[in-house]
Protein backbone atom coordinates (compact mmCIF):
# COMPACT_ATOMS: atom_id res chain seq x y z
CA UNK A 1 -51.02 45.51 -16.89
CA UNK A 2 -52.68 49.19 -17.65
CA UNK A 3 -53.67 50.41 -20.88
CA UNK A 4 -51.36 52.54 -21.70
CA UNK A 5 -48.72 49.68 -20.78
CA UNK A 6 -49.96 47.33 -23.20
CA UNK A 7 -50.10 50.01 -25.80
CA UNK A 8 -46.55 50.42 -25.61
CA UNK A 9 -45.95 46.74 -25.33
CA UNK A 10 -47.80 45.92 -28.65
CA UNK A 11 -46.12 49.23 -30.00
CA UNK A 12 -42.76 47.42 -29.38
CA UNK A 13 -43.92 44.45 -30.82
CA UNK A 14 -44.77 46.23 -33.90
CA UNK A 15 -41.24 47.85 -34.13
CA UNK A 16 -39.70 44.90 -33.69
CA UNK A 17 -41.75 42.82 -36.44
CA UNK A 18 -40.70 45.84 -38.98
CA UNK A 19 -37.16 45.65 -38.04
CA UNK A 20 -37.38 42.50 -38.38
CA UNK A 21 -38.59 42.05 -41.81
CA UNK A 22 -36.09 44.94 -42.94
CA UNK A 23 -33.22 42.83 -41.66
CA UNK A 24 -34.34 40.32 -43.89
CA UNK A 25 -34.69 42.58 -46.98
CA UNK A 26 -30.96 43.51 -45.61
CA UNK A 27 -29.92 39.89 -45.65
CA UNK A 28 -31.48 39.11 -48.88
CA UNK A 29 -29.85 42.23 -50.56
CA UNK A 30 -26.50 41.93 -48.96
CA UNK A 31 -25.91 38.32 -50.34
CA UNK A 32 -26.49 39.88 -53.80
CA UNK A 33 -24.30 42.46 -52.95
CA UNK A 34 -21.41 39.97 -52.34
CA UNK A 35 -22.30 37.92 -55.46
CA UNK A 36 -22.55 40.85 -58.02
CA UNK A 37 -18.95 42.15 -56.07
CA UNK A 38 -17.56 38.50 -56.52
CA UNK A 39 -18.45 38.43 -59.55
CA UNK A 40 -17.56 41.34 -60.77
CA UNK A 41 -14.17 41.24 -59.68
CA UNK A 42 -13.39 37.97 -60.91
CA UNK A 43 -14.81 39.15 -64.17
CA UNK A 44 -17.14 35.77 -64.70
CA UNK A 45 -17.45 32.17 -63.65
CA UNK A 46 -13.95 31.61 -65.01
CA UNK A 47 -12.72 34.44 -63.25
CA UNK A 48 -13.95 33.06 -59.95
CA UNK A 49 -12.85 29.77 -60.40
CA UNK A 50 -8.97 31.31 -60.46
CA UNK A 51 -9.52 33.60 -57.85
CA UNK A 52 -10.87 30.54 -55.82
CA UNK A 53 -8.05 28.66 -56.98
CA UNK A 54 -6.43 28.25 -53.55
CA UNK A 55 -9.42 26.71 -51.94
CA UNK A 56 -9.64 23.69 -54.57
CA UNK A 57 -7.65 22.16 -51.92
CA UNK A 58 -11.19 20.83 -49.01
CA UNK A 59 -8.54 20.79 -45.94
CA UNK A 60 -8.02 24.65 -46.66
CA UNK A 61 -11.41 25.59 -47.82
CA UNK A 62 -12.30 23.58 -44.81
CA UNK A 63 -10.00 26.12 -42.24
CA UNK A 64 -11.36 29.20 -44.42
CA UNK A 65 -14.64 28.08 -43.34
CA UNK A 66 -13.94 27.54 -39.36
CA UNK A 67 -11.53 30.53 -38.98
CA UNK A 68 -14.10 33.06 -40.65
CA UNK A 69 -16.82 31.71 -38.39
CA UNK A 70 -15.05 32.04 -35.66
CA UNK A 71 -13.62 35.77 -36.11
CA UNK A 72 -16.91 36.95 -37.32
CA UNK A 73 -18.84 34.81 -34.22
CA UNK A 74 -21.33 34.19 -36.51
CA UNK A 75 -22.15 30.86 -38.79
CA UNK A 76 -25.34 32.90 -40.70
CA UNK A 77 -23.51 35.12 -41.93
CA UNK A 78 -20.78 33.07 -42.96
CA UNK A 79 -22.52 30.17 -44.78
CA UNK A 80 -24.67 33.70 -46.47
CA UNK A 81 -21.36 34.78 -47.52
CA UNK A 82 -20.78 31.17 -49.15
CA UNK A 83 -24.07 31.47 -50.93
CA UNK A 84 -23.21 34.72 -52.24
CA UNK A 85 -19.86 33.22 -53.49
CA UNK A 86 -21.47 30.80 -55.38
CA UNK A 87 -23.83 32.75 -56.90
CA UNK A 88 -20.43 34.85 -58.37
CA UNK A 89 -19.21 31.85 -59.50
CA UNK A 90 -17.31 29.95 -56.95
CA UNK A 91 -18.15 26.30 -57.37
CA UNK A 92 -20.27 24.22 -55.12
CA UNK A 93 -17.50 21.19 -54.33
CA UNK A 94 -15.12 23.88 -53.29
CA UNK A 95 -17.67 25.65 -51.45
CA UNK A 96 -18.89 22.48 -49.44
CA UNK A 97 -15.54 22.07 -46.98
CA UNK A 98 -16.20 25.78 -46.35
CA UNK A 99 -19.89 24.83 -44.95
CA UNK A 100 -17.97 21.90 -43.32
CA UNK A 101 -15.81 24.44 -41.61
CA UNK A 102 -18.30 27.29 -40.77
CA UNK A 103 -20.12 24.62 -38.56
CA UNK A 104 -17.29 23.47 -36.57
CA UNK A 105 -16.41 27.43 -36.21
CA UNK A 106 -19.70 28.74 -34.75
CA UNK A 107 -19.15 26.25 -31.86
CA UNK A 108 -16.53 28.88 -30.30
CA UNK A 109 -19.21 31.00 -29.21
CA UNK A 110 -20.96 28.67 -26.05
CA UNK A 111 -17.48 27.30 -25.56
CA UNK A 112 -16.37 31.18 -24.37
CA UNK A 113 -19.77 31.30 -22.79
CA UNK A 114 -18.71 28.59 -20.90
CA UNK A 115 -15.80 30.12 -19.24
CA UNK A 116 -17.99 32.86 -17.77
CA UNK A 117 -18.01 29.79 -14.99
CA UNK A 118 -14.44 29.27 -14.91
CA UNK A 119 -14.42 30.88 -11.16
CA UNK A 120 -16.58 27.83 -9.89
CA UNK A 121 -14.71 24.51 -10.53
CA UNK A 122 -18.25 22.45 -10.51
CA UNK A 123 -19.89 24.82 -12.81
CA UNK A 124 -17.18 25.17 -15.07
CA UNK A 125 -16.94 21.43 -15.72
CA UNK A 126 -20.36 20.95 -16.49
CA UNK A 127 -20.53 24.10 -18.48
CA UNK A 128 -17.56 23.52 -20.34
CA UNK A 129 -18.75 19.80 -21.16
CA UNK A 130 -22.06 21.29 -22.37
CA UNK A 131 -20.07 24.24 -24.54
CA UNK A 132 -17.57 21.69 -26.15
CA UNK A 133 -19.91 18.23 -26.87
CA UNK A 134 -21.08 20.65 -29.57
CA UNK A 135 -17.79 21.16 -30.59
CA UNK A 136 -16.65 17.73 -30.59
CA UNK A 137 -20.17 16.30 -32.70
CA UNK A 138 -19.27 18.50 -35.33
CA UNK A 139 -15.42 17.82 -35.51
CA UNK A 140 -16.58 13.77 -35.69
CA UNK A 141 -19.07 15.40 -38.53
CA UNK A 142 -16.54 16.49 -40.40
CA UNK A 143 -14.01 13.54 -39.76
CA UNK A 144 -16.78 11.05 -40.94
CA UNK A 145 -18.65 13.13 -43.95
CA UNK A 146 -15.97 14.98 -45.64
CA UNK A 147 -14.12 11.78 -46.56
CA UNK A 148 -17.40 10.76 -47.86
CA UNK A 149 -18.44 13.53 -49.67
CA UNK A 150 -14.52 13.88 -51.06
CA UNK A 151 -14.88 10.06 -52.68
CA UNK A 152 -18.42 9.90 -53.40
CA UNK A 153 -19.60 13.63 -53.81
CA UNK A 154 -22.82 12.36 -51.71
CA UNK A 155 -24.40 16.09 -50.63
CA UNK A 156 -23.08 17.72 -54.03
CA UNK A 157 -25.30 14.84 -55.82
CA UNK A 158 -28.28 14.97 -53.51
CA UNK A 159 -28.51 18.74 -53.08
CA UNK A 160 -28.10 19.34 -57.07
CA UNK A 161 -30.84 17.24 -57.75
CA UNK A 162 -32.96 18.57 -55.28
CA UNK A 163 -32.44 22.04 -56.51
CA UNK A 164 -33.32 20.86 -59.86
CA UNK A 165 -36.98 20.45 -58.81
CA UNK A 166 -36.49 24.32 -58.31
CA UNK A 167 -34.18 25.09 -61.78
CA UNK A 168 -36.85 25.46 -64.50
CA UNK A 169 -36.30 21.84 -65.91
CA UNK A 170 -39.48 20.06 -67.68
CA UNK A 171 -41.13 18.91 -64.53
CA UNK A 172 -39.98 21.58 -62.31
CA UNK A 173 -40.39 24.79 -60.84
CA UNK A 174 -38.75 27.74 -62.29
CA UNK A 175 -36.95 29.81 -59.54
CA UNK A 176 -37.09 32.71 -61.61
CA UNK A 177 -40.89 32.54 -61.97
CA UNK A 178 -41.19 32.34 -58.26
CA UNK A 179 -38.60 34.67 -56.87
CA UNK A 180 -39.81 38.39 -56.48
CA UNK A 181 -36.62 39.43 -54.57
CA UNK A 182 -34.91 40.56 -58.02
CA UNK A 183 -37.11 43.69 -58.73
CA UNK A 184 -36.32 44.56 -54.78
CA UNK A 185 -32.55 43.89 -54.63
CA UNK A 186 -32.01 44.76 -58.45
CA UNK A 187 -32.56 48.34 -58.70
CA UNK A 188 -30.51 49.26 -55.16
CA UNK A 189 -27.32 46.91 -56.31
CA UNK A 190 -27.15 48.64 -59.69
CA UNK A 191 -27.54 52.21 -57.86
CA UNK A 192 -24.90 51.09 -55.45
CA UNK A 193 -22.21 50.30 -58.37
CA UNK A 194 -23.23 53.61 -60.57
CA UNK A 195 -22.32 55.37 -57.19
CA UNK A 196 -18.91 53.53 -56.12
CA UNK A 197 -17.91 54.17 -60.02
CA UNK A 198 -18.98 57.33 -59.78
CA UNK A 199 -16.51 58.04 -57.48
CA UNK A 200 -13.86 57.25 -59.50
CA UNK A 201 -12.94 54.13 -58.10
CA UNK A 202 -11.05 51.28 -60.79
CA UNK A 203 -13.53 48.60 -61.61
CA UNK A 204 -11.91 45.99 -59.71
CA UNK A 205 -11.75 48.36 -56.00
CA UNK A 206 -15.22 48.63 -56.59
CA UNK A 207 -16.21 45.25 -56.92
CA UNK A 208 -14.08 44.41 -53.69
CA UNK A 209 -15.80 47.70 -51.93
CA UNK A 210 -19.44 46.10 -52.96
CA UNK A 211 -18.81 42.11 -51.47
CA UNK A 212 -17.37 44.16 -48.84
CA UNK A 213 -20.15 45.97 -48.12
CA UNK A 214 -22.23 43.20 -48.46
CA UNK A 215 -20.43 41.28 -45.91
CA UNK A 216 -20.84 44.14 -43.56
CA UNK A 217 -24.65 44.21 -44.32
CA UNK A 218 -25.22 40.61 -44.14
CA UNK A 219 -23.52 40.76 -40.44
CA UNK A 220 -25.26 43.55 -39.34
CA UNK A 221 -28.83 42.25 -40.56
CA UNK A 222 -28.50 38.96 -39.07
CA UNK A 223 -26.93 40.90 -35.58
CA UNK A 224 -30.25 43.12 -35.88
CA UNK A 225 -32.64 40.31 -37.16
CA UNK A 226 -31.47 38.23 -33.80
CA UNK A 227 -32.13 40.93 -31.40
CA UNK A 228 -35.54 41.83 -32.12
CA UNK A 229 -36.40 38.03 -32.65
CA UNK A 230 -35.14 37.71 -28.71
CA UNK A 231 -37.90 40.85 -28.09
CA UNK A 232 -40.81 38.96 -29.66
CA UNK A 233 -39.96 35.63 -29.64
CA UNK A 234 -37.62 34.73 -26.57
CA UNK A 235 -39.61 34.29 -23.75
CA UNK A 236 -41.42 31.84 -25.89
CA UNK A 237 -38.15 30.40 -27.00
CA UNK A 238 -37.20 30.09 -23.08
CA UNK A 239 -40.20 28.70 -22.26
CA UNK A 240 -39.85 25.64 -25.04
CA UNK A 241 -36.74 25.15 -23.83
CA UNK A 242 -37.51 24.49 -20.48
CA UNK A 243 -40.09 22.24 -21.23
CA UNK A 244 -38.79 20.83 -23.98
CA UNK A 245 -34.96 19.54 -23.73
CA UNK A 246 -36.09 16.99 -20.98
CA UNK A 247 -38.34 15.09 -22.88
CA UNK A 248 -36.65 12.70 -24.40
CA UNK A 249 -33.60 12.51 -27.99
CA UNK A 250 -36.33 13.73 -30.54
CA UNK A 251 -38.12 16.29 -28.57
CA UNK A 252 -35.05 17.78 -27.66
CA UNK A 253 -33.63 17.89 -31.63
CA UNK A 254 -37.05 19.42 -32.39
CA UNK A 255 -37.15 22.03 -30.12
CA UNK A 256 -33.19 23.08 -30.42
CA UNK A 257 -33.66 23.33 -34.42
CA UNK A 258 -37.20 25.64 -33.52
CA UNK A 259 -35.49 27.49 -30.84
CA UNK A 260 -32.90 28.37 -33.08
CA UNK A 261 -35.15 29.04 -36.23
CA UNK A 262 -36.47 31.43 -33.87
CA UNK A 263 -33.47 33.43 -32.39
CA UNK A 264 -31.68 32.69 -35.71
CA UNK A 265 -28.74 31.64 -34.61
CA UNK A 266 -27.56 28.50 -33.37
CA UNK A 267 -24.68 30.56 -31.10
CA UNK A 268 -27.13 31.62 -29.27
CA UNK A 269 -29.58 28.81 -29.12
CA UNK A 270 -26.44 27.10 -27.36
CA UNK A 271 -25.32 29.55 -25.51
CA UNK A 272 -28.39 29.58 -23.27
CA UNK A 273 -28.25 26.07 -22.84
CA UNK A 274 -24.79 26.42 -20.93
CA UNK A 275 -25.51 28.27 -17.99
CA UNK A 276 -28.29 26.06 -17.09
CA UNK A 277 -25.97 22.73 -17.40
CA UNK A 278 -22.93 24.63 -15.68
CA UNK A 279 -26.05 25.22 -12.74
CA UNK A 280 -26.86 21.33 -13.11
CA UNK A 281 -30.86 22.37 -14.51
CA UNK A 282 -29.98 19.83 -17.15
CA UNK A 283 -27.54 17.46 -17.74
CA UNK A 284 -25.07 16.72 -20.22
CA UNK A 285 -27.26 13.59 -21.62
CA UNK A 286 -30.44 16.09 -21.94
CA UNK A 287 -28.76 19.28 -23.77
CA UNK A 288 -26.86 16.68 -26.39
CA UNK A 289 -30.01 16.46 -28.32
CA UNK A 290 -31.29 20.07 -27.99
CA UNK A 291 -27.75 21.21 -29.44
CA UNK A 292 -28.01 18.85 -32.38
CA UNK A 293 -31.42 20.05 -33.57
CA UNK A 294 -29.85 23.75 -33.12
CA UNK A 295 -26.89 22.72 -35.76
CA UNK A 296 -30.65 21.90 -38.31
CA UNK A 297 -32.02 25.03 -37.29
CA UNK A 298 -29.18 27.50 -38.11
CA UNK A 299 -29.68 26.28 -41.74
CA UNK A 300 -32.97 28.32 -42.23
CA UNK A 301 -30.39 31.33 -43.21
CA UNK A 302 -28.36 29.96 -45.99
CA UNK A 303 -32.00 29.13 -47.32
CA UNK A 304 -33.18 32.21 -46.90
CA UNK A 305 -30.06 33.79 -48.91
CA UNK A 306 -30.41 31.70 -51.56
CA UNK A 307 -33.96 33.13 -52.53
CA UNK A 308 -31.70 36.31 -53.35
CA UNK A 309 -30.41 34.89 -56.41
CA UNK A 310 -31.61 35.26 -59.89
CA UNK A 311 -28.79 34.82 -61.81
CA UNK A 312 -27.19 31.83 -64.17
CA UNK A 313 -26.13 30.71 -61.05
CA UNK A 314 -29.44 30.59 -58.96
CA UNK A 315 -29.51 26.78 -58.40
CA UNK A 316 -26.21 26.73 -57.47
CA UNK A 317 -26.86 29.15 -54.81
CA UNK A 318 -29.98 26.88 -53.64
CA UNK A 319 -27.40 24.09 -53.74
CA UNK A 320 -25.18 24.63 -51.36
CA UNK A 321 -27.53 26.24 -48.94
CA UNK A 322 -29.36 22.43 -50.01
CA UNK A 323 -25.92 20.76 -48.76
CA UNK A 324 -25.99 22.81 -45.48
CA UNK A 325 -29.64 21.65 -44.51
CA UNK A 326 -28.50 17.76 -45.74
CA UNK A 327 -24.79 18.20 -44.38
CA UNK A 328 -26.66 18.87 -40.74
CA UNK A 329 -29.39 16.34 -40.93
CA UNK A 330 -27.68 13.37 -42.01
CA UNK A 331 -24.97 13.75 -39.64
CA UNK A 332 -27.39 14.22 -36.91
CA UNK A 333 -29.44 11.68 -38.40
CA UNK A 334 -26.63 8.65 -39.48
CA UNK A 335 -24.03 9.50 -35.63
CA UNK A 336 -26.89 10.12 -33.40
CA UNK A 337 -28.58 6.95 -34.45
CA UNK A 338 -25.60 4.40 -33.83
CA UNK A 339 -25.19 3.43 -30.61
CA UNK A 340 -21.32 2.54 -31.14
CA UNK A 341 -20.52 6.64 -31.93
CA UNK A 342 -23.58 8.26 -30.43
CA UNK A 343 -21.63 8.77 -27.03
CA UNK A 344 -18.26 9.86 -27.94
CA UNK A 345 -18.85 13.25 -28.18
CA UNK A 346 -19.85 13.25 -24.16
CA UNK A 347 -17.04 11.25 -23.04
CA UNK A 348 -14.82 13.60 -25.09
CA UNK A 349 -16.48 16.36 -23.85
CA UNK A 350 -16.19 14.57 -20.33
CA UNK A 351 -12.73 14.56 -20.77
CA UNK A 352 -11.65 17.50 -21.94
CA UNK A 353 -14.12 19.40 -19.26
CA UNK A 354 -12.30 17.20 -16.49
CA UNK A 355 -8.87 18.03 -16.93
CA UNK A 356 -9.47 21.60 -18.31
CA UNK A 357 -11.54 22.25 -14.64
CA UNK A 358 -8.22 20.77 -12.88
CA UNK A 359 -5.72 23.55 -14.87
CA UNK A 360 -7.71 26.49 -16.59
CA UNK A 361 -4.68 26.56 -18.56
CA UNK A 362 -5.93 23.67 -20.46
CA UNK A 363 -9.26 24.96 -21.29
CA UNK A 364 -7.50 28.40 -22.80
CA UNK A 365 -5.34 26.34 -24.75
CA UNK A 366 -7.75 24.14 -26.12
CA UNK A 367 -9.60 27.64 -27.54
CA UNK A 368 -6.91 29.01 -28.78
CA UNK A 369 -5.38 26.06 -30.61
CA UNK A 370 -8.48 24.70 -32.37
CA UNK A 371 -10.05 27.96 -33.25
CA UNK A 372 -7.07 30.16 -33.84
CA UNK A 373 -3.81 28.73 -34.41
CA UNK A 374 -4.74 24.88 -35.84
CA UNK A 375 -6.98 26.95 -38.95
CA UNK A 376 -4.40 29.79 -39.30
CA UNK A 377 -1.39 26.92 -39.49
CA UNK A 378 -3.43 24.17 -41.67
CA UNK A 379 -4.27 27.61 -43.85
CA UNK A 380 -0.98 29.25 -44.59
CA UNK A 381 0.79 25.08 -45.04
CA UNK A 382 -1.68 23.43 -47.26
CA UNK A 383 -1.88 26.47 -49.27
CA UNK A 384 1.67 26.32 -50.43
CA UNK A 385 1.23 22.08 -51.29
């Protein structure tokens, strides 16, 4: 490589890192906008409870989180929005099923990637199994932990206890004392509110516009940071992928989490592995732990987003981000460590891939039915009960 080429590459990397820094700021700003807009529209915490009364049904909340993630193709976006909603007054207990739903919805991306192998029966069977093992595990996690959460509130209590160390109690660290985000985001959000009001918009309309702009900015920032991280890290991520996937379950989980943190997208991480499984580079059992690690790695975005909150709901914003983290860690720790259930997702994925390879319509029906039709129907039916 010539000196000019080396300088150009260095310049590209510096520009990429600058773009990453701006994208992180965009995420923090956007979450603040969602929370401010939601709280503004609802008129405070009590209004927020009334506004989301339909989601008090946990199954509706689960389907809302799932369908929202399917539509925007990013669990990071949806979980960041949920953090913003909690910062605006949405109760944590009602947000927890939404977080679980987002975990299920994010699996559609790699399932769609597997469809790219549809013309080659053998490759399609392997790729579809590699993709849907993620689906089966996340559905199993919901089936186990949602009833436990409704009965005992394990995640809510654990996350509240941990977030309490940052909430300003006598023996804890105060989030507001450590938070340097507020001076960076509050003036911008205030200026946006003033601008919307100066346009003659009613308060309620302006609040909705502010929240929607926040959602759009979250989506754009996460998309941009994912692309830029690929520029500076994807080579290393691919190297880690090839060197770590087949070295045992614990290494696979750790590498899956690490790569996902680097590229800021579990969808990207799991989609990278699907073609490798389809072409036979890795077996289903080898990529299974890597997929579980991606579930853990993707929680970094919500944790980052929670740092943007400095109002009276700051602890709850951090709490729901910690729910996302603990939920995935516990799901992997419990379900993968028990031999009796560890292989269930693999068996389910192998069964579905076999029948889908024979009749492609089954695969298409599975994607449409599970990720679109079922959530929409359940939302429509249970919201009326």
